[in-house]
């Protein structure tokens, strides 16, 4: 078995995005294996108990949750001090991963939830984003002018929500949220994590992934 970490990922998945962001920030090198969700390879399914990305295979075990991968990476190396944040940051991540993501899914995939009012679900998601906008007022990140793990953990889901109806999203009264999201999507870190890799096949040469520039 390979002794280096192997990260199974899917380019557009926000959970996988944030795992890649944390690994980049930590400067850890992993072997990246891109997959297609409609054609999951057997070695990936043997790694991930849930069959979902991201999944990180290490010599001594597997991490199958994106936030666990983020924390693991930053505990190895945290040159930007992303783990140094108030307890409120962990509460924000919990809310984003829970009620906000649920409302996001009910909005984005409304056809799957015919018994729910999609507009009401969108309004629930928007309430969380309005709170983020207020937090961002006067600063560039959620906790002032310094990025934390909360920014990296939440931004990919804000992007996903924005893309459900970009015209509507851009018309909302959350200018600081828009600036925060635009800095992220137009920055070098986003460009690097969104590089298109060929889906992994048995026998392929390893693709090494890792970078320290998240500015």
N, C-alpha and C. Protein backbone atom coordinates (compact mmCIF):
# COMPACT_ATOMS: atom_id res chain seq x y z
N UNK A 1 0.84 -1.20 0.00
CA UNK A 1 0.00 0.00 0.00
C UNK A 1 0.88 1.25 0.00
N UNK A 2 0.44 2.26 -0.74
CA UNK A 2 1.20 3.51 -0.79
C UNK A 2 1.30 4.14 0.60
N UNK A 3 2.48 4.69 0.90
CA UNK A 3 2.69 5.30 2.20
C UNK A 3 2.31 6.78 2.20
N UNK A 4 2.22 7.38 1.03
CA UNK A 4 1.82 8.78 0.97
C UNK A 4 0.29 8.90 0.99
N UNK A 5 -0.25 10.04 1.44
CA UNK A 5 -1.71 10.21 1.45
C UNK A 5 -2.27 10.25 0.03
N UNK A 6 -3.43 9.64 -0.15
CA UNK A 6 -4.13 9.65 -1.44
C UNK A 6 -5.49 10.32 -1.23
N UNK A 7 -5.72 11.40 -1.96
CA UNK A 7 -6.97 12.14 -1.86
C UNK A 7 -7.85 11.84 -3.06
N UNK A 8 -8.97 11.19 -2.78
CA UNK A 8 -9.98 10.97 -3.82
C UNK A 8 -10.89 12.20 -3.83
N UNK A 9 -11.13 12.73 -5.02
CA UNK A 9 -11.83 14.01 -5.09
C UNK A 9 -12.65 14.11 -6.37
N UNK A 10 -13.53 15.09 -6.40
CA UNK A 10 -14.30 15.43 -7.60
C UNK A 10 -14.29 16.94 -7.71
N UNK A 11 -13.87 17.45 -8.83
CA UNK A 11 -13.54 18.87 -8.99
C UNK A 11 -14.64 19.81 -8.51
N UNK A 12 -15.90 19.57 -8.85
CA UNK A 12 -16.96 20.53 -8.59
C UNK A 12 -17.65 20.34 -7.23
N UNK A 13 -17.32 19.30 -6.51
CA UNK A 13 -17.97 19.06 -5.21
C UNK A 13 -17.46 20.06 -4.18
N UNK A 14 -18.34 20.83 -3.54
CA UNK A 14 -17.86 21.81 -2.55
C UNK A 14 -17.17 21.18 -1.35
N UNK A 15 -17.57 19.98 -0.97
CA UNK A 15 -16.87 19.31 0.13
C UNK A 15 -15.43 19.00 -0.28
N UNK A 16 -15.26 18.51 -1.51
CA UNK A 16 -13.91 18.22 -1.99
C UNK A 16 -13.11 19.50 -2.19
N UNK A 17 -13.77 20.57 -2.62
CA UNK A 17 -13.08 21.85 -2.79
C UNK A 17 -12.43 22.29 -1.48
N UNK A 18 -13.19 22.23 -0.39
CA UNK A 18 -12.64 22.75 0.85
C UNK A 18 -11.54 21.86 1.40
N UNK A 19 -11.61 20.57 1.12
CA UNK A 19 -10.51 19.69 1.51
C UNK A 19 -9.24 20.07 0.76
N UNK A 20 -9.37 20.33 -0.54
CA UNK A 20 -8.21 20.72 -1.34
C UNK A 20 -7.66 22.07 -0.87
N UNK A 21 -8.55 23.00 -0.52
CA UNK A 21 -8.11 24.30 -0.02
C UNK A 21 -7.25 24.16 1.24
N UNK A 22 -7.68 23.32 2.17
CA UNK A 22 -6.92 23.14 3.41
C UNK A 22 -5.59 22.46 3.15
N UNK A 23 -5.57 21.48 2.27
CA UNK A 23 -4.32 20.79 1.94
C UNK A 23 -3.35 21.77 1.29
N UNK A 24 -3.85 22.63 0.39
CA UNK A 24 -3.01 23.66 -0.21
C UNK A 24 -2.43 24.59 0.84
N UNK A 25 -3.28 25.03 1.77
CA UNK A 25 -2.82 25.95 2.81
C UNK A 25 -1.75 25.31 3.68
N UNK A 26 -1.94 24.03 3.99
CA UNK A 26 -0.99 23.33 4.84
C UNK A 26 0.34 23.07 4.12
N UNK A 27 0.31 23.07 2.80
CA UNK A 27 1.52 22.78 2.05
C UNK A 27 1.87 21.30 2.04
N UNK A 28 0.88 20.48 2.35
CA UNK A 28 1.07 19.03 2.34
C UNK A 28 0.94 18.52 0.90
N UNK A 29 1.76 17.56 0.56
CA UNK A 29 1.66 16.95 -0.77
C UNK A 29 0.90 15.63 -0.66
N UNK A 30 -0.12 15.50 -1.48
CA UNK A 30 -0.90 14.27 -1.54
C UNK A 30 -0.99 13.82 -3.00
N UNK A 31 -1.29 12.57 -3.18
CA UNK A 31 -1.61 12.09 -4.52
C UNK A 31 -3.09 12.36 -4.76
N UNK A 32 -3.40 13.11 -5.78
CA UNK A 32 -4.78 13.44 -6.09
C UNK A 32 -5.34 12.46 -7.11
N UNK A 33 -6.50 11.92 -6.81
CA UNK A 33 -7.17 11.02 -7.74
C UNK A 33 -8.57 11.55 -8.00
N UNK A 34 -8.74 12.14 -9.15
CA UNK A 34 -10.04 12.67 -9.58
C UNK A 34 -10.92 11.52 -10.04
N UNK A 35 -12.21 11.58 -9.68
CA UNK A 35 -13.13 10.54 -10.12
C UNK A 35 -14.34 11.16 -10.80
N UNK A 36 -15.10 10.35 -11.49
CA UNK A 36 -16.41 10.72 -11.99
C UNK A 36 -17.45 10.09 -11.06
N UNK A 37 -18.38 10.89 -10.57
CA UNK A 37 -19.35 10.37 -9.62
C UNK A 37 -20.27 9.32 -10.24
N UNK A 38 -20.42 9.38 -11.56
CA UNK A 38 -21.27 8.38 -12.22
C UNK A 38 -20.53 7.09 -12.54
N UNK A 39 -19.20 7.07 -12.29
CA UNK A 39 -18.40 5.90 -12.61
C UNK A 39 -17.29 5.77 -11.57
N UNK A 40 -17.68 5.43 -10.36
CA UNK A 40 -16.73 5.39 -9.25
C UNK A 40 -15.87 4.13 -9.33
N UNK A 41 -14.54 4.29 -9.33
CA UNK A 41 -13.67 3.12 -9.43
C UNK A 41 -13.69 2.28 -8.16
N UNK A 42 -13.43 1.01 -8.32
CA UNK A 42 -13.47 0.08 -7.19
C UNK A 42 -12.50 0.47 -6.07
N UNK A 43 -11.26 0.92 -6.37
CA UNK A 43 -10.37 1.30 -5.27
C UNK A 43 -10.90 2.47 -4.45
N UNK A 44 -11.63 3.37 -5.08
CA UNK A 44 -12.25 4.46 -4.33
C UNK A 44 -13.34 3.91 -3.41
N UNK A 45 -14.19 3.04 -3.92
CA UNK A 45 -15.27 2.48 -3.11
C UNK A 45 -14.71 1.62 -1.98
N UNK A 46 -13.53 1.06 -2.18
CA UNK A 46 -12.89 0.30 -1.11
C UNK A 46 -12.30 1.23 -0.05
N UNK A 47 -12.08 2.49 -0.42
CA UNK A 47 -11.53 3.47 0.52
C UNK A 47 -12.62 4.16 1.30
N UNK A 48 -13.65 4.64 0.60
CA UNK A 48 -14.70 5.45 1.21
C UNK A 48 -15.87 4.60 1.66
N UNK A 49 -16.12 4.57 2.95
CA UNK A 49 -17.24 3.79 3.47
C UNK A 49 -18.57 4.35 2.99
N UNK A 50 -18.62 5.64 2.72
CA UNK A 50 -19.87 6.28 2.29
C UNK A 50 -19.99 6.39 0.78
N UNK A 51 -18.90 6.13 0.06
CA UNK A 51 -18.92 6.28 -1.38
C UNK A 51 -19.01 7.73 -1.83
N UNK A 52 -18.55 8.65 -0.97
CA UNK A 52 -18.62 10.07 -1.28
C UNK A 52 -17.22 10.68 -1.22
N UNK A 53 -17.05 11.77 -1.96
CA UNK A 53 -15.80 12.52 -1.91
C UNK A 53 -15.99 13.72 -0.99
N UNK A 54 -14.84 14.17 -0.42
CA UNK A 54 -13.49 13.63 -0.54
C UNK A 54 -13.29 12.45 0.40
N UNK A 55 -12.29 11.67 0.09
CA UNK A 55 -11.84 10.61 0.98
C UNK A 55 -10.32 10.61 0.95
N UNK A 56 -9.72 10.53 2.11
CA UNK A 56 -8.26 10.58 2.22
C UNK A 56 -7.75 9.26 2.78
N UNK A 57 -7.00 8.55 1.96
CA UNK A 57 -6.38 7.29 2.38
C UNK A 57 -4.97 7.59 2.86
N UNK A 58 -4.68 7.21 4.10
CA UNK A 58 -3.34 7.34 4.66
C UNK A 58 -2.83 5.96 5.04
N UNK A 59 -1.56 5.90 5.38
CA UNK A 59 -0.97 4.60 5.72
C UNK A 59 -1.66 3.96 6.92
N UNK A 60 -2.18 4.80 7.83
CA UNK A 60 -2.77 4.27 9.06
C UNK A 60 -4.28 4.40 9.13
N UNK A 61 -4.94 4.70 8.01
CA UNK A 61 -6.39 4.77 8.06
C UNK A 61 -6.97 5.69 6.99
N UNK A 62 -8.26 5.97 7.14
CA UNK A 62 -9.00 6.75 6.15
C UNK A 62 -9.78 7.85 6.85
N UNK A 63 -9.78 9.04 6.26
CA UNK A 63 -10.68 10.12 6.67
C UNK A 63 -11.71 10.28 5.57
N UNK A 64 -12.99 10.21 5.95
CA UNK A 64 -14.07 10.16 4.97
C UNK A 64 -15.00 11.37 5.07
N UNK A 65 -14.61 12.37 5.87
CA UNK A 65 -15.42 13.60 6.00
C UNK A 65 -14.53 14.79 5.68
N UNK A 66 -15.06 15.72 4.91
CA UNK A 66 -14.23 16.84 4.43
C UNK A 66 -13.69 17.70 5.57
N UNK A 67 -14.51 17.99 6.58
CA UNK A 67 -14.03 18.82 7.67
C UNK A 67 -12.93 18.11 8.46
N UNK A 68 -13.03 16.80 8.61
CA UNK A 68 -11.98 16.03 9.27
C UNK A 68 -10.67 16.13 8.47
N UNK A 69 -10.77 16.09 7.15
CA UNK A 69 -9.58 16.21 6.30
C UNK A 69 -8.96 17.59 6.46
N UNK A 70 -9.80 18.62 6.50
CA UNK A 70 -9.30 19.98 6.68
C UNK A 70 -8.53 20.11 7.98
N UNK A 71 -9.13 19.65 9.05
CA UNK A 71 -8.51 19.76 10.37
C UNK A 71 -7.23 18.94 10.42
N UNK A 72 -7.26 17.72 9.86
CA UNK A 72 -6.06 16.88 9.82
C UNK A 72 -4.92 17.60 9.11
N UNK A 73 -5.21 18.16 7.94
CA UNK A 73 -4.17 18.84 7.16
C UNK A 73 -3.58 20.01 7.93
N UNK A 74 -4.45 20.82 8.54
CA UNK A 74 -3.98 22.02 9.23
C UNK A 74 -3.29 21.70 10.55
N UNK A 75 -3.58 20.54 11.11
CA UNK A 75 -2.84 20.14 12.31
C UNK A 75 -1.44 19.65 11.95
N UNK A 76 -1.24 19.23 10.69
CA UNK A 76 0.11 18.89 10.24
C UNK A 76 0.95 20.15 10.05
N UNK A 77 0.31 21.16 9.49
CA UNK A 77 1.00 22.41 9.20
C UNK A 77 -0.05 23.49 8.98
N UNK A 78 0.09 24.60 9.69
CA UNK A 78 -0.88 25.69 9.59
C UNK A 78 -0.16 27.03 9.48
N UNK A 79 0.56 27.26 8.38
CA UNK A 79 1.39 28.47 8.27
C UNK A 79 0.60 29.76 8.29
N UNK A 80 -0.68 29.70 7.94
CA UNK A 80 -1.52 30.90 7.91
C UNK A 80 -2.38 31.05 9.16
N UNK A 81 -2.24 30.13 10.12
CA UNK A 81 -2.99 30.22 11.36
C UNK A 81 -4.49 30.09 11.19
N UNK A 82 -4.92 29.24 10.27
CA UNK A 82 -6.35 29.12 9.98
C UNK A 82 -7.14 28.51 11.14
N UNK A 83 -6.49 27.68 11.94
CA UNK A 83 -7.19 27.07 13.08
C UNK A 83 -7.33 28.03 14.26
N UNK A 84 -6.64 29.14 14.19
CA UNK A 84 -6.71 30.15 15.26
C UNK A 84 -7.90 31.06 15.00
N UNK A 85 -9.05 30.68 15.52
CA UNK A 85 -10.26 31.47 15.33
C UNK A 85 -11.16 31.31 16.56
N UNK A 86 -12.09 32.24 16.78
CA UNK A 86 -13.01 32.13 17.91
C UNK A 86 -13.91 30.90 17.79
N UNK A 87 -14.46 30.48 18.92
CA UNK A 87 -15.39 29.35 18.91
C UNK A 87 -16.58 29.61 17.99
N UNK A 88 -16.91 30.89 17.79
CA UNK A 88 -18.03 31.23 16.91
C UNK A 88 -17.80 30.72 15.50
N UNK A 89 -16.54 30.56 15.11
CA UNK A 89 -16.24 30.05 13.78
C UNK A 89 -16.70 28.62 13.60
N UNK A 90 -16.53 27.81 14.64
CA UNK A 90 -16.98 26.42 14.55
C UNK A 90 -18.50 26.36 14.52
N UNK A 91 -19.15 27.28 15.21
CA UNK A 91 -20.61 27.34 15.16
C UNK A 91 -21.09 27.71 13.76
N UNK A 92 -20.40 28.65 13.12
CA UNK A 92 -20.75 29.03 11.74
C UNK A 92 -20.60 27.84 10.80
N UNK A 93 -19.52 27.09 10.95
CA UNK A 93 -19.32 25.92 10.09
C UNK A 93 -20.44 24.90 10.32
N UNK A 94 -20.80 24.69 11.57
CA UNK A 94 -21.87 23.74 11.89
C UNK A 94 -23.19 24.18 11.27
N UNK A 95 -23.48 25.48 11.32
CA UNK A 95 -24.71 25.99 10.73
C UNK A 95 -24.67 25.88 9.21
N UNK A 96 -23.52 26.17 8.63
CA UNK A 96 -23.38 26.06 7.18
C UNK A 96 -23.56 24.62 6.72
N UNK A 97 -22.92 23.69 7.43
CA UNK A 97 -23.00 22.28 7.05
C UNK A 97 -24.37 21.67 7.33
N UNK A 98 -25.11 22.28 8.25
CA UNK A 98 -26.42 21.76 8.62
C UNK A 98 -27.57 22.49 7.97
N UNK A 99 -28.20 23.43 8.68
CA UNK A 99 -29.40 24.10 8.15
C UNK A 99 -29.18 24.81 6.81
N UNK A 100 -28.04 25.48 6.64
CA UNK A 100 -27.82 26.19 5.38
C UNK A 100 -27.70 25.22 4.22
N UNK A 101 -26.90 24.16 4.38
CA UNK A 101 -26.74 23.20 3.28
C UNK A 101 -28.07 22.51 2.97
N UNK A 102 -28.86 22.24 3.98
CA UNK A 102 -30.18 21.63 3.74
C UNK A 102 -31.06 22.55 2.92
N UNK A 103 -31.11 23.84 3.30
CA UNK A 103 -31.91 24.81 2.55
C UNK A 103 -31.36 25.00 1.14
N UNK A 104 -30.04 24.97 1.02
CA UNK A 104 -29.41 25.08 -0.30
C UNK A 104 -29.86 23.92 -1.20
N UNK A 105 -29.80 22.70 -0.68
CA UNK A 105 -30.21 21.54 -1.47
C UNK A 105 -31.68 21.61 -1.84
N UNK A 106 -32.50 22.08 -0.91
CA UNK A 106 -33.94 22.20 -1.20
C UNK A 106 -34.21 23.24 -2.27
N UNK A 107 -33.29 24.21 -2.39
CA UNK A 107 -33.43 25.24 -3.42
C UNK A 107 -32.87 24.76 -4.75
N UNK A 108 -31.65 24.25 -4.72
CA UNK A 108 -30.97 23.84 -5.95
C UNK A 108 -31.65 22.64 -6.60
N UNK A 109 -32.13 21.72 -5.78
CA UNK A 109 -32.75 20.50 -6.30
C UNK A 109 -34.24 20.47 -5.96
N UNK A 110 -34.91 21.60 -6.18
CA UNK A 110 -36.31 21.75 -5.77
C UNK A 110 -37.20 20.67 -6.37
N UNK A 111 -36.88 20.19 -7.56
CA UNK A 111 -37.72 19.18 -8.21
C UNK A 111 -37.74 17.89 -7.40
N UNK A 112 -36.71 17.65 -6.58
CA UNK A 112 -36.66 16.44 -5.75
C UNK A 112 -37.51 16.57 -4.49
N UNK A 113 -37.95 17.81 -4.20
CA UNK A 113 -38.70 18.06 -2.96
C UNK A 113 -40.01 18.78 -3.29
N UNK A 114 -40.91 18.09 -4.00
CA UNK A 114 -42.14 18.75 -4.47
C UNK A 114 -43.05 19.22 -3.34
N UNK A 115 -42.89 18.69 -2.14
CA UNK A 115 -43.75 19.09 -1.02
C UNK A 115 -43.25 20.34 -0.32
N UNK A 116 -42.07 20.85 -0.73
CA UNK A 116 -41.49 22.03 -0.10
C UNK A 116 -41.64 23.25 -0.99
N UNK A 117 -41.72 24.40 -0.38
CA UNK A 117 -41.77 25.67 -1.10
C UNK A 117 -40.34 26.13 -1.34
N UNK A 118 -39.90 26.10 -2.60
CA UNK A 118 -38.52 26.42 -2.93
C UNK A 118 -38.16 27.85 -2.54
N UNK A 119 -39.10 28.77 -2.69
CA UNK A 119 -38.82 30.16 -2.34
C UNK A 119 -38.62 30.32 -0.83
N UNK A 120 -39.41 29.57 -0.06
CA UNK A 120 -39.25 29.63 1.39
C UNK A 120 -37.91 29.02 1.79
N UNK A 121 -37.53 27.93 1.14
CA UNK A 121 -36.24 27.32 1.43
C UNK A 121 -35.10 28.28 1.08
N UNK A 122 -35.25 28.98 -0.04
CA UNK A 122 -34.22 29.95 -0.42
C UNK A 122 -34.13 31.08 0.61
N UNK A 123 -35.27 31.48 1.15
CA UNK A 123 -35.26 32.55 2.15
C UNK A 123 -34.55 32.09 3.43
N UNK A 124 -34.66 30.81 3.77
CA UNK A 124 -33.95 30.29 4.94
C UNK A 124 -32.44 30.32 4.72
N UNK A 125 -32.03 29.94 3.53
CA UNK A 125 -30.60 30.01 3.21
C UNK A 125 -30.13 31.45 3.22
N UNK A 126 -30.95 32.35 2.69
CA UNK A 126 -30.58 33.76 2.60
C UNK A 126 -30.39 34.38 3.99
N UNK A 127 -31.15 33.93 4.96
CA UNK A 127 -31.02 34.47 6.32
C UNK A 127 -29.62 34.21 6.86
N UNK A 128 -29.09 33.03 6.59
CA UNK A 128 -27.73 32.71 7.03
C UNK A 128 -26.73 33.60 6.30
N UNK A 129 -26.95 33.82 5.00
CA UNK A 129 -26.02 34.64 4.23
C UNK A 129 -26.07 36.10 4.67
N UNK A 130 -27.22 36.58 5.09
CA UNK A 130 -27.31 37.95 5.61
C UNK A 130 -26.49 38.08 6.89
N UNK A 131 -26.49 37.03 7.71
CA UNK A 131 -25.67 37.03 8.92
C UNK A 131 -24.19 37.08 8.55
N UNK A 132 -23.80 36.32 7.53
CA UNK A 132 -22.41 36.36 7.09
C UNK A 132 -22.04 37.75 6.58
N UNK A 133 -22.96 38.38 5.84
CA UNK A 133 -22.70 39.72 5.32
C UNK A 133 -22.43 40.71 6.45
N UNK A 134 -23.21 40.59 7.52
CA UNK A 134 -23.00 41.48 8.66
C UNK A 134 -21.65 41.23 9.33
N UNK A 135 -21.28 39.96 9.40
CA UNK A 135 -19.98 39.63 9.99
C UNK A 135 -18.83 40.17 9.15
N UNK A 136 -19.03 40.21 7.85
CA UNK A 136 -17.98 40.63 6.93
C UNK A 136 -17.84 42.14 6.85
N UNK A 137 -18.82 42.86 7.38
CA UNK A 137 -18.78 44.32 7.28
C UNK A 137 -17.55 44.88 8.01
N UNK A 138 -16.76 45.62 7.27
CA UNK A 138 -15.57 46.23 7.86
C UNK A 138 -14.34 45.35 7.82
N UNK A 139 -14.46 44.15 7.27
CA UNK A 139 -13.31 43.25 7.17
C UNK A 139 -13.35 42.49 5.87
N UNK A 140 -12.29 41.79 5.58
CA UNK A 140 -12.21 41.03 4.34
C UNK A 140 -12.59 39.56 4.53
N UNK A 141 -12.63 39.11 5.79
CA UNK A 141 -12.96 37.72 6.07
C UNK A 141 -13.94 37.65 7.23
N UNK A 142 -14.37 36.47 7.58
CA UNK A 142 -15.43 36.32 8.57
C UNK A 142 -15.02 36.82 9.95
N UNK A 143 -13.72 36.76 10.23
CA UNK A 143 -13.24 37.23 11.53
C UNK A 143 -12.14 38.28 11.32
N UNK A 144 -12.53 39.36 10.66
CA UNK A 144 -11.61 40.47 10.44
C UNK A 144 -10.88 40.36 9.12
N UNK A 145 -9.62 40.72 9.13
CA UNK A 145 -8.83 40.77 7.90
C UNK A 145 -7.92 39.55 7.72
N UNK A 146 -8.19 38.51 8.51
CA UNK A 146 -7.36 37.30 8.41
C UNK A 146 -8.24 36.09 8.16
N UNK A 147 -7.87 35.32 7.17
CA UNK A 147 -8.64 34.13 6.83
C UNK A 147 -8.54 33.09 7.94
N UNK A 148 -9.62 32.35 8.14
CA UNK A 148 -9.63 31.21 9.06
C UNK A 148 -10.21 30.00 8.36
N UNK A 149 -10.20 28.89 9.04
CA UNK A 149 -10.78 27.67 8.47
C UNK A 149 -12.26 27.85 8.18
N UNK A 150 -12.93 28.75 8.90
CA UNK A 150 -14.35 28.98 8.64
C UNK A 150 -14.57 29.53 7.24
N UNK A 151 -13.71 30.46 6.80
CA UNK A 151 -13.83 30.99 5.44
C UNK A 151 -13.70 29.87 4.41
N UNK A 152 -12.66 29.05 4.57
CA UNK A 152 -12.43 27.98 3.60
C UNK A 152 -13.53 26.93 3.63
N UNK A 153 -14.09 26.68 4.81
CA UNK A 153 -15.11 25.63 4.94
C UNK A 153 -16.46 26.07 4.35
N UNK A 154 -16.74 27.38 4.40
CA UNK A 154 -18.07 27.87 4.02
C UNK A 154 -18.13 28.40 2.60
N UNK A 155 -17.06 29.02 2.13
CA UNK A 155 -17.08 29.66 0.81
C UNK A 155 -17.54 28.75 -0.33
N UNK A 156 -17.08 27.49 -0.42
CA UNK A 156 -17.53 26.68 -1.55
C UNK A 156 -19.05 26.47 -1.59
N UNK A 157 -19.70 26.49 -0.43
CA UNK A 157 -21.15 26.31 -0.39
C UNK A 157 -21.88 27.60 -0.72
N UNK A 158 -21.30 28.73 -0.34
CA UNK A 158 -21.88 30.01 -0.76
C UNK A 158 -21.81 30.13 -2.27
N UNK A 159 -20.69 29.72 -2.84
CA UNK A 159 -20.57 29.71 -4.31
C UNK A 159 -21.63 28.81 -4.94
N UNK A 160 -21.83 27.64 -4.37
CA UNK A 160 -22.82 26.71 -4.92
C UNK A 160 -24.21 27.33 -4.87
N UNK A 161 -24.55 27.97 -3.74
CA UNK A 161 -25.85 28.61 -3.61
C UNK A 161 -25.98 29.75 -4.61
N UNK A 162 -24.94 30.57 -4.74
CA UNK A 162 -24.98 31.70 -5.68
C UNK A 162 -25.25 31.22 -7.09
N UNK A 163 -24.69 30.10 -7.46
CA UNK A 163 -24.83 29.61 -8.83
C UNK A 163 -26.19 28.99 -9.13
N UNK A 164 -27.04 28.83 -8.11
CA UNK A 164 -28.39 28.33 -8.39
C UNK A 164 -29.22 29.38 -9.12
N UNK A 165 -28.94 30.66 -8.86
CA UNK A 165 -29.62 31.77 -9.56
C UNK A 165 -28.74 33.00 -9.38
N UNK A 166 -27.75 33.14 -10.25
CA UNK A 166 -26.75 34.17 -10.07
C UNK A 166 -27.34 35.58 -10.16
N UNK A 167 -28.31 35.80 -11.04
CA UNK A 167 -28.91 37.13 -11.16
C UNK A 167 -29.61 37.52 -9.86
N UNK A 168 -30.37 36.60 -9.30
CA UNK A 168 -31.06 36.86 -8.04
C UNK A 168 -30.04 37.10 -6.92
N UNK A 169 -29.02 36.25 -6.87
CA UNK A 169 -28.01 36.36 -5.82
C UNK A 169 -27.31 37.72 -5.87
N UNK A 170 -26.91 38.13 -7.07
CA UNK A 170 -26.18 39.39 -7.21
C UNK A 170 -27.04 40.61 -6.90
N UNK A 171 -28.36 40.45 -6.95
CA UNK A 171 -29.27 41.58 -6.69
C UNK A 171 -29.60 41.75 -5.22
N UNK A 172 -29.13 40.85 -4.36
CA UNK A 172 -29.48 40.91 -2.95
C UNK A 172 -28.61 41.94 -2.21
N UNK A 173 -29.13 42.49 -1.10
CA UNK A 173 -28.40 43.53 -0.36
C UNK A 173 -27.35 42.96 0.58
N UNK A 174 -26.40 42.28 0.00
CA UNK A 174 -25.29 41.75 0.81
C UNK A 174 -23.95 42.05 0.09
N UNK A 175 -23.58 43.33 0.02
CA UNK A 175 -22.37 43.72 -0.72
C UNK A 175 -21.08 43.12 -0.18
N UNK A 176 -20.97 43.01 1.14
CA UNK A 176 -19.74 42.46 1.71
C UNK A 176 -19.63 40.97 1.42
N UNK A 177 -20.75 40.28 1.43
CA UNK A 177 -20.76 38.86 1.07
C UNK A 177 -20.33 38.68 -0.38
N UNK A 178 -20.86 39.52 -1.27
CA UNK A 178 -20.49 39.45 -2.68
C UNK A 178 -19.00 39.69 -2.87
N UNK A 179 -18.46 40.69 -2.19
CA UNK A 179 -17.03 40.97 -2.31
C UNK A 179 -16.19 39.80 -1.81
N UNK A 180 -16.62 39.22 -0.71
CA UNK A 180 -15.92 38.06 -0.13
C UNK A 180 -15.91 36.89 -1.11
N UNK A 181 -17.08 36.62 -1.68
CA UNK A 181 -17.18 35.51 -2.63
C UNK A 181 -16.37 35.80 -3.89
N UNK A 182 -16.44 37.02 -4.39
CA UNK A 182 -15.72 37.36 -5.62
C UNK A 182 -14.21 37.30 -5.42
N UNK A 183 -13.73 37.74 -4.26
CA UNK A 183 -12.29 37.64 -4.01
C UNK A 183 -11.85 36.17 -4.03
N UNK A 184 -12.70 35.32 -3.50
CA UNK A 184 -12.39 33.89 -3.48
C UNK A 184 -12.38 33.31 -4.89
N UNK A 185 -13.45 33.51 -5.65
CA UNK A 185 -13.56 32.87 -6.97
C UNK A 185 -12.61 33.47 -7.99
N UNK A 186 -12.13 34.68 -7.74
CA UNK A 186 -11.21 35.32 -8.68
C UNK A 186 -9.75 35.22 -8.22
N UNK A 187 -9.53 34.54 -7.09
CA UNK A 187 -8.19 34.46 -6.53
C UNK A 187 -7.40 33.25 -7.02
N UNK A 188 -6.10 33.23 -6.73
CA UNK A 188 -5.23 32.14 -7.22
C UNK A 188 -5.54 30.79 -6.59
N UNK A 189 -5.97 30.77 -5.34
CA UNK A 189 -6.24 29.48 -4.69
C UNK A 189 -7.39 28.76 -5.38
N UNK A 190 -8.45 29.51 -5.71
CA UNK A 190 -9.59 28.88 -6.38
C UNK A 190 -9.17 28.35 -7.74
N UNK A 191 -8.37 29.13 -8.47
CA UNK A 191 -7.91 28.67 -9.79
C UNK A 191 -7.12 27.38 -9.67
N UNK A 192 -6.31 27.26 -8.62
CA UNK A 192 -5.49 26.06 -8.46
C UNK A 192 -6.32 24.85 -8.07
N UNK A 193 -7.27 25.01 -7.17
CA UNK A 193 -8.05 23.83 -6.78
C UNK A 193 -9.02 23.41 -7.86
N UNK A 194 -9.34 24.31 -8.81
CA UNK A 194 -10.30 23.98 -9.86
C UNK A 194 -9.63 23.56 -11.16
N UNK A 195 -8.32 23.30 -11.11
CA UNK A 195 -7.64 22.77 -12.30
C UNK A 195 -8.30 21.45 -12.70
N UNK A 196 -8.48 21.26 -14.00
CA UNK A 196 -9.13 20.05 -14.50
C UNK A 196 -8.11 18.93 -14.65
N UNK A 197 -8.35 17.87 -13.92
CA UNK A 197 -7.51 16.69 -14.01
C UNK A 197 -8.28 15.56 -14.70
N UNK A 198 -7.55 14.75 -15.42
CA UNK A 198 -8.16 13.58 -16.04
C UNK A 198 -8.57 12.59 -14.96
N UNK A 199 -9.79 12.04 -15.04
CA UNK A 199 -10.19 11.04 -14.04
C UNK A 199 -9.18 9.90 -13.95
N UNK A 200 -8.96 9.48 -12.71
CA UNK A 200 -7.95 8.46 -12.42
C UNK A 200 -8.32 7.11 -13.01
N UNK A 201 -7.29 6.41 -13.50
CA UNK A 201 -7.42 5.02 -13.95
C UNK A 201 -6.28 4.21 -13.37
N UNK A 202 -6.52 2.95 -13.13
CA UNK A 202 -5.48 2.07 -12.60
C UNK A 202 -4.25 2.12 -13.50
N UNK A 203 -3.08 2.30 -12.90
CA UNK A 203 -1.84 2.33 -13.66
C UNK A 203 -1.39 3.72 -14.05
N UNK A 204 -2.22 4.75 -13.81
CA UNK A 204 -1.81 6.12 -14.13
C UNK A 204 -0.65 6.56 -13.25
N UNK A 205 0.19 7.43 -13.79
CA UNK A 205 1.24 8.04 -12.98
C UNK A 205 0.59 8.94 -11.93
N UNK A 206 1.16 9.03 -10.74
CA UNK A 206 0.56 9.85 -9.68
C UNK A 206 0.49 11.33 -10.08
N UNK A 207 -0.59 11.99 -9.65
CA UNK A 207 -0.72 13.44 -9.77
C UNK A 207 -0.50 14.00 -8.37
N UNK A 208 0.55 14.80 -8.20
CA UNK A 208 0.88 15.35 -6.89
C UNK A 208 0.23 16.71 -6.73
N UNK A 209 -0.38 16.90 -5.57
CA UNK A 209 -1.16 18.13 -5.33
C UNK A 209 -0.75 18.71 -3.98
N UNK A 210 -0.62 20.04 -3.94
CA UNK A 210 -0.31 20.72 -2.69
C UNK A 210 0.34 22.06 -2.96
N UNK A 211 -0.06 23.08 -2.20
CA UNK A 211 0.46 24.43 -2.39
C UNK A 211 0.19 25.22 -1.12
N UNK A 212 0.98 26.24 -0.87
CA UNK A 212 0.80 27.03 0.35
C UNK A 212 0.13 28.37 0.13
N UNK A 213 -0.10 28.80 -1.12
CA UNK A 213 -0.62 30.14 -1.39
C UNK A 213 -2.14 30.13 -1.41
N UNK A 214 -2.76 30.68 -0.35
CA UNK A 214 -4.22 30.77 -0.32
C UNK A 214 -4.69 32.20 -0.37
N UNK A 215 -3.79 33.14 -0.56
CA UNK A 215 -4.16 34.57 -0.51
C UNK A 215 -5.14 34.91 -1.61
